[in-house]
Amino acid sequence: MRADLAVSYGEERLPRYTSYPTAPHFSPVIDAGTYARWLSELPAGASASLYLHVPFCREMCWYCGCHTQIVRRDDLIAAYQRTLRSEIALVAETIGRRIKVEHIHFGGGTPTIMAPEAFAELMAAMRQAFFVLPSAEIAVEIDPRTLTADMVEAMRLSGVNRASLGVQSFDPIVQRAINRIQSFEQTAAVVDMLRRAGIAGINFDLIYGLPHQTVASCLDTVRRSLLLAPDRFSVFGYAHVPDFKKHQRMINQGALPDGPARHDQACAIANALKEAGYVQIGLDHFARPDDSMAVAFEERTLRRNFQGYTTDQGEVLLGFGASAIGHLPQGYVQNEVQIGAYAQSIGAGRLATAKGYGLTDDDRLRADIIERIMCEFSADLGDICARHGAEPEAMLKSASRLKPLISDGVVRLDGDRLAVANDSRFLVRSVAAAFDAHLDPGKQLHSRAV
C-alpha cells in the first residue's frame, strides 16, 4: 500500500458502492405503487434473496452507522416481528407466486434480540411465502455479548448456516471509547456454541480507525481472532459522521487516528491476515482459500450488494423491515426508515416503500463497470460496453477522474481493459468513482476512501 497515495486520495469522501446509484440519490418518486408494479413484473423464473432488518439493540455502540435504536421492552420487538411477517405475506401476495429463495440475511441492529420462538416463526413465515431452497445460505448478524443458547438452538432448527460476529476490537481501551465492552472469552464461547450447533460458517467484523486504536492494538485483535479460525473477515474503516449519526458525538474526535495512521492500520491488518493464509477479496474482505467467497473471487463470479461482497448471483433482493433496501431489475426501493411509519403502512395493508430509484440504461452500464472494479480490481470495458450496446471510448471519455489515477500509477489502461495496480487496491473506491455519473464531490455524504 503506497503511503503517498493514501494521503493524496484517502481523504476523499466516496461511496462503498454497495449499489449504483447509491442511496443518497433515491427519491420519493418511487413509491409503494411503483414497487408493487415492479414485483408483479418479475419474470417467471426469477429467484430472490431476502434481507430482514431488525433495528433494535440493548445499548448503543457509539461507532455505529446503522439504522437502529435502543429498546428495553420486549413487547415492542414482538410487535415488530409480527409486522415483518405481515410484510413478507404482503410482498409474496403482490408477486403472485412462490418464487425461489437462495439467500437470506438478517441484519440490524441486533437480529438475535428477538425471542427464539419469534425468530423461528419468522423463518417459518418466509418458508411459507417463498420456496427457500435446501441449499440456501441463511446468515445472521450476531452480537456475541447477548446471544443465548436458546437462540442458537432456534437458529439451528431454522437452518441458519452462517453467522457474522461483531468483534471490532479486543483492546479494552478502544472498547471503552466506543461503548462496546466485549471480551475475547465471550466471543470464543459464542464461536464454540455456534460450531457445536452445526453453524459452520463464521464471519468476524473488524474495524480500524477507532479512537485510541494503534497498529499494535489492531494486530493484537487479529492475533486473537485467528485463534478462533473464522472463515471470513470483514475489515472496515470507521466512518465518523456525527452530523448524520448523533451518537457518534460521544466519541472523542481528538482520539481518532489521522489519515496516515488509518492507512498503517489497514495495511497491518491486511498483511497479517494474508500471512495467516486468508485471501484478500475486494476492498475489505478476507476469506480462507476454500471458502465459497474466495472461490467466487477466483472464478470471477463475486458480486456486490447492500451486505457487501456476496456469492449471490440473483438479480432480485427483497428487503423487509424499517429502512430495508431492495433491488429489482427495474431499480431500487427503500422502506420507511422510522419504525412507526413503516408499521403503519404494513398494518394498513400497504407496502412501506418511502423512496427508490428507477434505473436507466446508462445506470445499468455504469453499475456493471463499477461492480467489476469493486469485485475484481479490473474491468473489460470493451466486453461490458458491448453487452450494453455502448462504446468504450465514450465511457472512458466521460470518466475524467481516471486521468490523475493513471498518472499516479493507480490504474493501468491496456486498450479497453482497466486494472488497478496491486499496490493501489486500497484505492479501488476512487477508481470506481471515476465512472459514477451521479457523484457530487462537494457533498460529504460518504466515508473516507481509506
Protein backbone atom coordinates (compact mmCIF):
# COMPACT_ATOMS: atom_id res chain seq x y z
CA MET A 1 0.00 0.00 0.00
CA ARG A 2 1.58 3.31 -1.07
CA ALA A 3 1.50 5.82 1.78
CA ASP A 4 1.83 8.82 -0.55
CA LEU A 5 -1.36 7.83 -2.37
CA ALA A 6 -3.17 7.19 0.91
CA VAL A 7 -2.51 10.82 1.83
CA SER A 8 -3.47 12.31 -1.55
CA TYR A 9 -6.59 10.21 -2.17
CA GLY A 10 -7.51 8.82 1.24
CA GLU A 11 -9.32 11.92 2.50
CA GLU A 12 -11.90 11.77 -0.31
CA ARG A 13 -15.45 11.01 0.81
CA LEU A 14 -16.66 8.26 -1.52
CA PRO A 15 -19.39 5.61 -1.62
CA ARG A 16 -18.65 1.98 -0.79
CA TYR A 17 -20.64 1.14 -3.94
CA THR A 18 -22.90 -1.49 -2.44
CA SER A 19 -25.32 -0.14 -5.07
CA TYR A 20 -25.22 2.15 -8.08
CA PRO A 21 -26.59 4.74 -7.97
CA THR A 22 -26.11 4.98 -4.22
CA ALA A 23 -28.84 5.52 -1.62
CA PRO A 24 -28.49 9.35 -1.36
CA HIS A 25 -29.90 9.52 -4.89
CA PHE A 26 -33.12 7.69 -4.01
CA SER A 27 -36.30 9.73 -4.50
CA PRO A 28 -39.91 9.56 -3.22
CA VAL A 29 -40.99 9.49 -6.88
CA ILE A 30 -40.54 5.72 -6.47
CA ASP A 31 -43.37 4.77 -4.14
CA ALA A 32 -45.40 1.77 -2.99
CA GLY A 33 -47.31 1.70 -6.26
CA THR A 34 -44.07 1.54 -8.23
CA TYR A 35 -42.76 -1.27 -6.04
CA ALA A 36 -45.98 -3.25 -6.41
CA ARG A 37 -45.75 -2.95 -10.18
CA TRP A 38 -42.11 -4.00 -10.21
CA LEU A 39 -42.90 -7.03 -8.05
CA SER A 40 -45.74 -8.10 -10.34
CA GLU A 41 -43.41 -7.82 -13.35
CA LEU A 42 -40.74 -10.19 -12.01
CA PRO A 43 -40.00 -12.87 -14.62
CA ALA A 44 -41.40 -16.35 -14.07
CA GLY A 45 -38.02 -17.98 -13.40
CA ALA A 46 -36.74 -15.29 -11.05
CA SER A 47 -35.07 -16.29 -7.82
CA ALA A 48 -34.58 -13.91 -4.93
CA SER A 49 -32.52 -13.14 -1.87
CA LEU A 50 -34.18 -11.82 1.26
CA TYR A 51 -32.84 -9.20 3.66
CA LEU A 52 -34.58 -8.64 7.00
CA HIS A 53 -33.67 -5.59 9.07
CA VAL A 54 -34.13 -5.69 12.84
CA PRO A 55 -33.44 -2.13 14.05
CA PHE A 56 -33.06 -2.77 17.79
CA CYS A 57 -30.15 -3.03 20.22
CA ARG A 58 -29.88 -3.25 24.01
CA GLU A 59 -27.30 -0.45 24.08
CA MET A 60 -25.76 1.88 21.53
CA CYS A 61 -22.25 1.32 20.22
CA TRP A 62 -21.01 4.84 19.61
CA TYR A 63 -19.25 4.00 16.32
CA CYS A 64 -22.41 2.53 14.77
CA GLY A 65 -23.59 3.81 11.39
CA CYS A 66 -26.62 1.52 11.09
CA HIS A 67 -30.34 2.26 11.38
CA THR A 68 -31.02 1.08 14.92
CA GLN A 69 -32.38 2.24 18.26
CA ILE A 70 -32.19 1.20 21.88
CA VAL A 71 -35.13 -0.82 23.17
CA ARG A 72 -35.83 -2.25 26.62
CA ARG A 73 -39.38 -3.51 26.08
CA ASP A 74 -39.67 -6.96 24.56
CA ASP A 75 -43.28 -6.31 23.53
CA LEU A 76 -42.03 -3.70 21.02
CA ILE A 77 -39.70 -6.26 19.49
CA ALA A 78 -42.52 -8.81 19.31
CA ALA A 79 -44.81 -6.29 17.61
CA TYR A 80 -42.11 -5.51 15.05
CA GLN A 81 -41.66 -9.22 14.33
CA ARG A 82 -45.39 -9.53 13.63
CA THR A 83 -45.14 -6.59 11.24
CA LEU A 84 -42.27 -8.29 9.43
CA ARG A 85 -44.39 -11.40 8.98
CA SER A 86 -47.22 -9.29 7.57
CA GLU A 87 -44.85 -7.58 5.15
CA ILE A 88 -43.50 -10.94 3.96
CA ALA A 89 -47.03 -12.14 3.25
CA LEU A 90 -47.92 -8.86 1.51
CA VAL A 91 -44.88 -8.95 -0.79
CA ALA A 92 -45.46 -12.61 -1.65
CA GLU A 93 -49.10 -11.87 -2.47
CA THR A 94 -48.06 -8.96 -4.69
CA ILE A 95 -45.61 -11.15 -6.60
CA GLY A 96 -48.42 -13.63 -7.13
CA ARG A 97 -46.40 -16.83 -6.97
CA ARG A 98 -43.95 -18.64 -4.70
CA ILE A 99 -40.53 -17.67 -6.02
CA LYS A 100 -37.26 -19.43 -5.19
CA VAL A 101 -35.01 -18.02 -2.48
CA GLU A 102 -31.27 -18.73 -2.47
CA HIS A 103 -30.01 -16.39 0.27
CA ILE A 104 -31.49 -14.97 3.48
CA HIS A 105 -29.66 -12.38 5.57
CA PHE A 106 -30.74 -10.98 8.95
CA GLY A 107 -29.16 -7.60 9.69
CA GLY A 108 -29.56 -4.84 12.19
CA GLY A 109 -29.34 -3.63 14.80
CA THR A 110 -29.17 -6.94 16.56
CA PRO A 111 -31.35 -9.60 14.88
CA THR A 112 -30.77 -12.02 17.76
CA ILE A 113 -32.53 -9.60 20.09
CA MET A 114 -35.74 -11.38 19.06
CA ALA A 115 -37.10 -14.16 21.26
CA PRO A 116 -36.02 -17.58 19.92
CA GLU A 117 -39.60 -18.60 19.18
CA ALA A 118 -40.18 -15.32 17.33
CA PHE A 119 -37.13 -15.97 15.17
CA ALA A 120 -38.42 -19.46 14.37
CA GLU A 121 -41.85 -18.05 13.47
CA LEU A 122 -40.24 -15.54 11.13
CA MET A 123 -38.27 -18.26 9.36
CA ALA A 124 -41.44 -20.34 9.05
CA ALA A 125 -43.26 -17.36 7.54
CA MET A 126 -40.57 -17.00 4.88
CA ARG A 127 -40.69 -20.69 4.03
CA GLN A 128 -44.45 -20.49 3.68
CA ALA A 129 -44.36 -17.39 1.46
CA PHE A 130 -41.36 -18.40 -0.68
CA PHE A 131 -39.66 -21.58 -1.81
CA VAL A 132 -36.47 -21.47 0.27
CA LEU A 133 -34.05 -23.84 -1.44
CA PRO A 134 -32.50 -26.59 0.72
CA SER A 135 -29.09 -25.23 -0.32
CA ALA A 136 -29.92 -21.64 0.65
CA GLU A 137 -27.38 -19.68 2.66
CA ILE A 138 -29.09 -18.29 5.77
CA ALA A 139 -26.92 -15.77 7.60
CA VAL A 140 -27.49 -13.85 10.83
CA GLU A 141 -25.57 -10.90 12.27
CA ILE A 142 -24.78 -11.55 15.93
CA ASP A 143 -23.76 -9.52 18.96
CA PRO A 144 -21.73 -12.07 20.99
CA ARG A 145 -22.49 -10.20 24.21
CA THR A 146 -26.19 -11.05 24.16
CA LEU A 147 -26.51 -14.34 22.25
CA THR A 148 -28.20 -17.13 24.21
CA ALA A 149 -28.08 -20.91 23.88
CA ASP A 150 -31.83 -20.93 23.20
CA MET A 151 -31.38 -18.57 20.25
CA VAL A 152 -28.57 -20.71 18.85
CA GLU A 153 -30.88 -23.73 19.02
CA ALA A 154 -33.65 -21.80 17.25
CA MET A 155 -31.17 -20.79 14.57
CA ARG A 156 -30.02 -24.38 14.15
CA LEU A 157 -33.57 -25.69 13.81
CA SER A 158 -34.36 -22.90 11.32
CA GLY A 159 -31.49 -23.86 9.02
CA VAL A 160 -29.10 -20.99 9.75
CA ASN A 161 -25.67 -21.90 8.38
CA ARG A 162 -23.66 -18.67 8.63
CA ALA A 163 -23.12 -16.19 11.45
CA SER A 164 -21.42 -12.78 11.33
CA LEU A 165 -19.99 -11.73 14.68
CA GLY A 166 -19.25 -8.13 15.53
CA VAL A 167 -15.77 -8.05 17.07
CA GLN A 168 -14.39 -4.62 16.02
CA SER A 169 -11.50 -4.59 18.54
CA PHE A 170 -10.40 -6.61 21.56
CA ASP A 171 -8.46 -3.65 23.01
CA PRO A 172 -10.20 -2.65 26.29
CA ILE A 173 -9.14 0.99 25.86
CA VAL A 174 -10.76 1.13 22.43
CA GLN A 175 -13.81 -0.76 23.69
CA ARG A 176 -14.42 1.79 26.44
CA ALA A 177 -14.04 4.63 23.93
CA ILE A 178 -16.74 3.15 21.65
CA ASN A 179 -19.07 1.89 24.43
CA ARG A 180 -18.75 -1.78 23.47
CA ILE A 181 -17.19 -3.97 26.14
CA GLN A 182 -16.73 -7.47 24.73
CA SER A 183 -14.10 -9.86 25.98
CA PHE A 184 -12.21 -12.39 23.90
CA GLU A 185 -13.62 -15.10 26.17
CA GLN A 186 -17.22 -14.05 25.38
CA THR A 187 -16.52 -14.19 21.67
CA ALA A 188 -14.72 -17.55 21.90
CA ALA A 189 -17.63 -19.07 23.83
CA VAL A 190 -20.11 -17.94 21.18
CA VAL A 191 -17.98 -19.32 18.33
CA ASP A 192 -17.79 -22.66 20.14
CA MET A 193 -21.55 -22.67 20.77
CA LEU A 194 -22.32 -21.94 17.11
CA ARG A 195 -19.96 -24.61 15.81
CA ARG A 196 -21.32 -27.23 18.20
CA ALA A 197 -24.77 -26.40 16.81
CA GLY A 198 -23.54 -27.07 13.27
CA ILE A 199 -23.50 -23.40 12.21
CA ALA A 200 -20.18 -23.77 10.46
CA GLY A 201 -19.79 -20.51 8.51
CA ILE A 202 -18.27 -17.96 10.89
CA ASN A 203 -17.51 -14.35 9.87
CA PHE A 204 -15.76 -11.72 12.01
CA ASP A 205 -16.21 -7.96 11.55
CA LEU A 206 -13.20 -5.81 12.46
CA ILE A 207 -12.87 -2.02 12.35
CA TYR A 208 -9.78 0.19 12.08
CA GLY A 209 -9.62 3.95 12.62
CA LEU A 210 -11.40 3.77 16.00
CA PRO A 211 -10.50 6.13 18.88
CA HIS A 212 -7.17 5.28 20.59
CA GLN A 213 -6.56 2.48 18.09
CA THR A 214 -2.97 1.75 17.09
CA VAL A 215 -1.24 -0.64 14.72
CA ALA A 216 -0.22 -2.71 17.75
CA SER A 217 -3.78 -2.98 19.07
CA CYS A 218 -5.10 -3.85 15.60
CA LEU A 219 -2.54 -6.63 15.26
CA ASP A 220 -3.35 -7.94 18.72
CA THR A 221 -7.04 -8.12 17.75
CA VAL A 222 -6.12 -10.01 14.58
CA ARG A 223 -3.86 -12.38 16.53
CA ARG A 224 -6.62 -13.22 18.99
CA SER A 225 -9.22 -13.52 16.25
CA LEU A 226 -7.06 -16.01 14.35
CA LEU A 227 -7.09 -18.29 17.39
CA LEU A 228 -10.82 -18.77 16.70
CA ALA A 229 -10.24 -19.50 12.99
CA PRO A 230 -13.21 -17.71 11.38
CA ASP A 231 -13.89 -18.46 7.73
CA ARG A 232 -14.14 -14.81 6.71
CA PHE A 233 -13.14 -11.38 7.93
CA SER A 234 -14.74 -8.06 7.01
CA VAL A 235 -12.39 -5.16 7.78
CA PHE A 236 -13.95 -1.70 7.67
CA GLY A 237 -12.58 1.77 8.24
CA TYR A 238 -14.57 3.66 10.87
CA ALA A 239 -16.71 6.38 9.29
CA HIS A 240 -17.02 9.35 11.67
CA VAL A 241 -20.14 11.22 10.58
CA PRO A 242 -21.53 12.84 13.77
CA ASP A 243 -23.71 15.22 11.76
CA PHE A 244 -25.66 12.20 10.47
CA LYS A 245 -25.26 9.86 13.46
CA LYS A 246 -25.69 11.98 16.58
CA HIS A 247 -24.49 9.27 19.00
CA GLN A 248 -21.05 9.44 17.35
CA ARG A 249 -20.63 12.78 19.14
CA MET A 250 -19.90 10.68 22.23
CA ILE A 251 -16.60 9.71 20.60
CA ASN A 252 -13.62 11.93 21.35
CA GLN A 253 -12.72 13.20 17.89
CA GLY A 254 -9.23 14.08 19.10
CA ALA A 255 -8.58 10.39 19.82
CA LEU A 256 -9.29 9.32 16.24
CA PRO A 257 -6.30 8.21 14.15
CA ASP A 258 -5.38 10.55 11.30
CA GLY A 259 -5.22 9.54 7.64
CA PRO A 260 -1.67 8.11 7.65
CA ALA A 261 -2.40 6.18 10.87
CA ARG A 262 -5.57 4.70 9.35
CA HIS A 263 -3.52 3.69 6.31
CA ASP A 264 -0.94 1.96 8.53
CA GLN A 265 -3.66 0.12 10.47
CA ALA A 266 -5.41 -1.08 7.32
CA CYS A 267 -2.08 -2.28 5.88
CA ALA A 268 -1.09 -4.08 9.06
CA ILE A 269 -4.41 -5.93 9.32
CA ALA A 270 -4.38 -6.92 5.65
CA ASN A 271 -0.80 -8.16 5.78
CA ALA A 272 -1.40 -10.17 8.96
CA LEU A 273 -4.47 -11.87 7.51
CA LYS A 274 -2.73 -12.67 4.23
CA GLU A 275 0.26 -14.08 6.12
CA ALA A 276 -2.20 -16.30 8.00
CA GLY A 277 -3.39 -17.76 4.69
CA TYR A 278 -6.51 -15.70 4.03
CA VAL A 279 -7.27 -14.48 0.51
CA GLN A 280 -7.87 -10.74 0.18
CA ILE A 281 -11.17 -10.18 -1.60
CA GLY A 282 -12.08 -6.81 -2.99
CA LEU A 283 -11.99 -3.75 -0.81
CA ASP A 284 -12.45 -5.13 2.68
CA HIS A 285 -12.99 -8.91 2.85
CA PHE A 286 -10.66 -11.81 3.57
CA ALA A 287 -11.55 -15.50 3.36
CA ARG A 288 -10.00 -18.93 3.68
CA PRO A 289 -8.98 -20.26 0.26
CA ASP A 290 -11.64 -22.99 0.36
CA ASP A 291 -14.43 -20.62 1.41
CA SER A 292 -17.17 -20.04 -1.18
CA MET A 293 -16.36 -16.32 -1.32
CA ALA A 294 -12.70 -16.97 -2.11
CA VAL A 295 -13.77 -19.45 -4.78
CA ALA A 296 -16.16 -16.88 -6.29
CA PHE A 297 -13.37 -14.28 -6.30
CA GLU A 298 -11.04 -16.72 -8.08
CA GLU A 299 -13.74 -17.68 -10.61
CA ARG A 300 -14.72 -14.01 -11.18
CA THR A 301 -18.31 -14.59 -10.11
CA LEU A 302 -18.17 -12.39 -7.00
CA ARG A 303 -20.98 -9.85 -6.66
CA ARG A 304 -21.65 -6.79 -4.52
CA ASN A 305 -24.88 -5.81 -2.78
CA PHE A 306 -26.06 -3.96 0.32
CA GLN A 307 -24.45 -6.57 2.59
CA GLY A 308 -21.09 -6.01 0.87
CA TYR A 309 -19.41 -8.77 -1.13
CA THR A 310 -21.53 -11.82 -1.82
CA THR A 311 -21.62 -15.08 -3.75
CA ASP A 312 -25.30 -14.44 -4.51
CA GLN A 313 -25.92 -14.42 -8.26
CA GLY A 314 -29.57 -13.34 -8.07
CA GLU A 315 -30.92 -10.15 -9.64
CA VAL A 316 -33.67 -9.72 -7.03
CA LEU A 317 -33.11 -8.67 -3.43
CA LEU A 318 -36.27 -8.21 -1.37
CA GLY A 319 -35.82 -6.01 1.69
CA PHE A 320 -38.09 -6.35 4.74
CA GLY A 321 -38.27 -4.10 7.77
CA ALA A 322 -37.83 -0.41 8.55
CA SER A 323 -35.17 1.21 6.30
CA ALA A 324 -34.59 -2.03 4.35
CA ILE A 325 -33.49 -1.65 0.74
CA GLY A 326 -34.48 -3.92 -2.12
CA HIS A 327 -33.04 -4.31 -5.60
CA LEU A 328 -35.08 -5.47 -8.58
CA PRO A 329 -34.26 -5.46 -12.30
CA GLN A 330 -36.15 -2.16 -12.62
CA GLY A 331 -34.38 -0.36 -9.77
CA TYR A 332 -34.08 0.14 -6.01
CA VAL A 333 -36.69 0.60 -3.29
CA GLN A 334 -36.30 1.57 0.35
CA ASN A 335 -38.81 1.19 3.15
CA GLU A 336 -39.77 3.90 5.60
CA VAL A 337 -36.86 4.47 7.98
CA GLN A 338 -39.00 5.31 11.01
CA ILE A 339 -40.44 2.20 12.63
CA GLY A 340 -43.80 3.86 13.31
CA ALA A 341 -44.33 4.93 9.71
CA TYR A 342 -43.20 1.52 8.48
CA ALA A 343 -45.55 -0.35 10.82
CA GLN A 344 -48.46 1.96 9.98
CA SER A 345 -48.15 1.25 6.25
CA ILE A 346 -47.87 -2.51 6.66
CA GLY A 347 -50.67 -2.53 9.22
CA ALA A 348 -52.92 -0.82 6.66
CA GLY A 349 -52.07 -3.47 4.07
CA ARG A 350 -49.78 -1.17 2.05
CA LEU A 351 -46.18 -1.68 1.04
CA ALA A 352 -43.96 0.59 3.14
CA THR A 353 -41.89 2.00 0.26
CA ALA A 354 -40.67 5.52 1.03
CA LYS A 355 -38.32 6.13 -1.88
CA GLY A 356 -36.23 4.45 -4.53
CA TYR A 357 -34.60 4.81 -7.89
CA GLY A 358 -35.57 3.67 -11.39
CA LEU A 359 -32.53 2.51 -13.34
CA THR A 360 -31.69 3.91 -16.77
CA ASP A 361 -29.68 2.05 -19.41
CA ASP A 362 -26.68 4.24 -18.59
CA ASP A 363 -27.04 3.40 -14.88
CA ARG A 364 -27.00 -0.32 -15.66
CA LEU A 365 -23.88 0.03 -17.77
CA ARG A 366 -22.04 2.03 -15.13
CA ALA A 367 -23.26 -0.31 -12.37
CA ASP A 368 -21.72 -3.27 -14.19
CA ILE A 369 -18.40 -1.47 -14.64
CA ILE A 370 -18.30 -0.33 -11.02
CA GLU A 371 -19.20 -3.80 -9.72
CA ARG A 372 -16.40 -5.45 -11.72
CA ILE A 373 -13.89 -2.87 -10.47
CA MET A 374 -15.02 -3.35 -6.86
CA CYS A 375 -15.04 -7.16 -7.13
CA GLU A 376 -12.08 -7.88 -9.41
CA PHE A 377 -9.93 -4.70 -9.35
CA SER A 378 -10.32 -4.67 -13.13
CA ALA A 379 -12.91 -4.24 -15.85
CA ASP A 380 -13.00 -5.20 -19.51
CA LEU A 381 -14.74 -2.07 -20.76
CA GLY A 382 -14.97 -3.40 -24.30
CA ASP A 383 -16.84 -6.52 -23.20
CA ILE A 384 -19.12 -4.72 -20.74
CA CYS A 385 -19.96 -1.90 -23.14
CA ALA A 386 -20.68 -4.40 -25.95
CA ARG A 387 -23.22 -6.17 -23.74
CA HIS A 388 -24.96 -2.84 -23.16
CA GLY A 389 -24.73 -1.57 -26.74
CA ALA A 390 -22.31 1.22 -25.79
CA GLU A 391 -18.89 2.38 -26.95
CA PRO A 392 -15.95 2.03 -24.54
CA GLU A 393 -14.30 5.15 -25.97
CA ALA A 394 -17.27 7.27 -24.95
CA MET A 395 -17.31 5.72 -21.48
CA LEU A 396 -13.61 6.41 -20.97
CA LYS A 397 -14.03 9.97 -22.21
CA SER A 398 -16.74 10.57 -19.60
CA ALA A 399 -14.51 9.21 -16.80
CA SER A 400 -12.33 12.31 -16.39
CA ARG A 401 -11.43 11.34 -12.81
CA LEU A 402 -9.37 8.47 -14.26
CA LYS A 403 -6.65 10.77 -15.62
CA PRO A 404 -4.84 11.55 -12.35
CA LEU A 405 -5.26 7.93 -11.24
CA ILE A 406 -3.49 6.78 -14.41
CA SER A 407 -0.79 9.44 -14.00
CA ASP A 408 -0.18 8.34 -10.40
CA GLY A 409 0.08 4.69 -11.36
CA VAL A 410 -3.08 3.68 -9.52
CA VAL A 411 -4.71 2.46 -12.73
CA ARG A 412 -3.30 0.78 -15.82
CA LEU A 413 -5.20 1.04 -19.09
CA ASP A 414 -4.41 -1.55 -21.77
CA GLY A 415 -6.69 -0.83 -24.70
CA ASP A 416 -10.19 -1.09 -23.27
CA ARG A 417 -9.10 -3.11 -20.24
CA LEU A 418 -8.67 -1.28 -16.96
CA ALA A 419 -6.77 -2.72 -13.98
CA VAL A 420 -5.98 -1.35 -10.53
CA ALA A 421 -2.30 -1.68 -9.61
CA ASN A 422 -1.64 -4.28 -6.91
CA ASP A 423 -0.13 -1.74 -4.52
CA SER A 424 -3.09 0.63 -5.01
CA ARG A 425 -6.01 -1.71 -4.44
CA PHE A 426 -6.95 0.13 -1.26
CA LEU A 427 -7.99 3.00 -3.57
CA VAL A 428 -10.47 0.88 -5.52
CA ARG A 429 -13.33 3.17 -4.43
CA SER A 430 -11.53 6.10 -6.05
CA VAL A 431 -11.25 4.12 -9.29
CA ALA A 432 -14.91 3.08 -9.22
CA ALA A 433 -15.92 6.69 -8.54
CA ALA A 434 -14.45 7.71 -11.90
CA PHE A 435 -17.44 6.02 -13.55
CA ASP A 436 -20.05 7.45 -11.14
CA ALA A 437 -22.11 9.96 -13.13
CA HIS A 438 -24.08 10.95 -10.02
CA LEU A 439 -21.17 11.70 -7.67
CA ASP A 440 -21.08 15.21 -6.24
CA PRO A 441 -17.60 15.72 -4.73
CA GLY A 442 -18.83 18.77 -2.84
CA LYS A 443 -21.24 16.80 -0.66
CA GLN A 444 -19.83 14.97 2.38
CA LEU A 445 -22.28 12.06 2.26
CA HIS A 446 -19.86 9.15 2.46
CA SER A 447 -16.95 7.73 4.43
CA ARG A 448 -13.26 8.37 3.77
CA ALA A 449 -11.68 6.40 0.93
CA VAL A 450 -9.09 4.93 3.33
